[in-house]
Amino acid sequence: MKNTVLFGAMSVALLGLVGCIHVDEGDWSDSEEIALNTETALRVCGGPGTVEKVTEDGYTCKSDD
């Protein structure tokens, strides 16, 4: 029973980390561009966990390696 609870807790924590997206933000005024690029990246790349990086200039998807 302990192993099942531990495995479940670790799975939830891991899923939370998979959805993280790295954002480089040089200036607070660029936050609107980054928000728009993040939305676009999520749609184009295929959802959370598939975006590698988002900046005010664009985004990159994770490779399928």
Protein backbone atom coordinates (compact mmCIF):
# COMPACT_ATOMS: atom_id res chain seq x y z
CA MET A 1 0.00 0.00 0.00
CA LYS A 2 2.84 2.41 0.83
CA ASN A 3 4.46 1.73 -2.54
CA THR A 4 1.24 2.52 -4.38
CA VAL A 5 0.82 5.85 -2.59
CA LEU A 6 4.50 6.71 -3.10
CA PHE A 7 4.34 5.83 -6.79
CA GLY A 8 1.19 7.94 -7.22
CA ALA A 9 2.75 10.94 -5.50
CA MET A 10 5.91 10.67 -7.59
CA SER A 11 3.85 10.37 -10.78
CA VAL A 12 1.92 13.53 -10.00
CA ALA A 13 5.16 15.42 -9.26
CA LEU A 14 6.75 14.20 -12.49
CA LEU A 15 3.74 15.19 -14.59
CA GLY A 16 3.92 18.67 -13.09
CA LEU A 17 7.52 19.01 -14.23
CA VAL A 18 6.83 17.73 -17.74
CA GLY A 19 4.56 20.66 -18.45
CA CYS A 20 7.18 23.29 -17.63
CA ILE A 21 8.20 25.69 -20.37
CA HIS A 22 11.44 27.64 -20.30
CA VAL A 23 10.87 31.37 -20.92
CA ASP A 24 13.59 33.96 -21.56
CA GLU A 25 12.25 37.38 -20.78
CA GLY A 26 14.66 40.29 -21.14
CA ASP A 27 12.19 43.08 -20.38
CA TRP A 28 8.82 43.18 -18.61
CA SER A 29 7.35 45.12 -21.55
CA ASP A 30 7.84 42.01 -23.71
CA SER A 31 5.51 39.92 -21.54
CA GLU A 32 2.59 40.32 -23.97
CA GLU A 33 4.67 39.01 -26.88
CA ILE A 34 5.87 36.10 -24.76
CA ALA A 35 2.31 35.26 -23.72
CA LEU A 36 1.17 35.26 -27.37
CA ASN A 37 4.18 33.19 -28.43
CA THR A 38 3.51 30.72 -25.60
CA GLU A 39 -0.09 30.22 -26.74
CA THR A 40 1.05 29.77 -30.34
CA ALA A 41 3.85 27.38 -29.35
CA LEU A 42 1.46 25.19 -27.35
CA ARG A 43 -0.89 24.94 -30.34
CA VAL A 44 1.80 24.36 -32.97
CA CYS A 45 4.11 22.08 -30.97
CA GLY A 46 1.32 19.85 -29.68
CA GLY A 47 0.63 20.92 -26.11
CA PRO A 48 2.41 21.11 -22.74
CA GLY A 49 5.70 19.25 -22.57
CA THR A 50 6.46 19.73 -26.27
CA VAL A 51 7.77 23.31 -26.15
CA GLU A 52 11.50 23.75 -25.57
CA LYS A 53 11.83 27.54 -25.31
CA VAL A 54 9.72 30.68 -25.70
CA THR A 55 11.11 34.21 -26.20
CA GLU A 56 9.68 37.55 -27.27
CA ASP A 57 10.91 36.75 -30.80
CA GLY A 58 9.43 33.25 -31.14
CA TYR A 59 9.58 29.70 -29.83
CA THR A 60 11.16 26.31 -30.44
CA CYS A 61 9.55 22.89 -30.13
CA LYS A 62 11.30 19.94 -28.51
CA SER A 63 12.81 17.51 -31.01
CA ASP A 64 11.44 14.00 -31.32
CA ASP A 65 14.83 12.40 -30.55
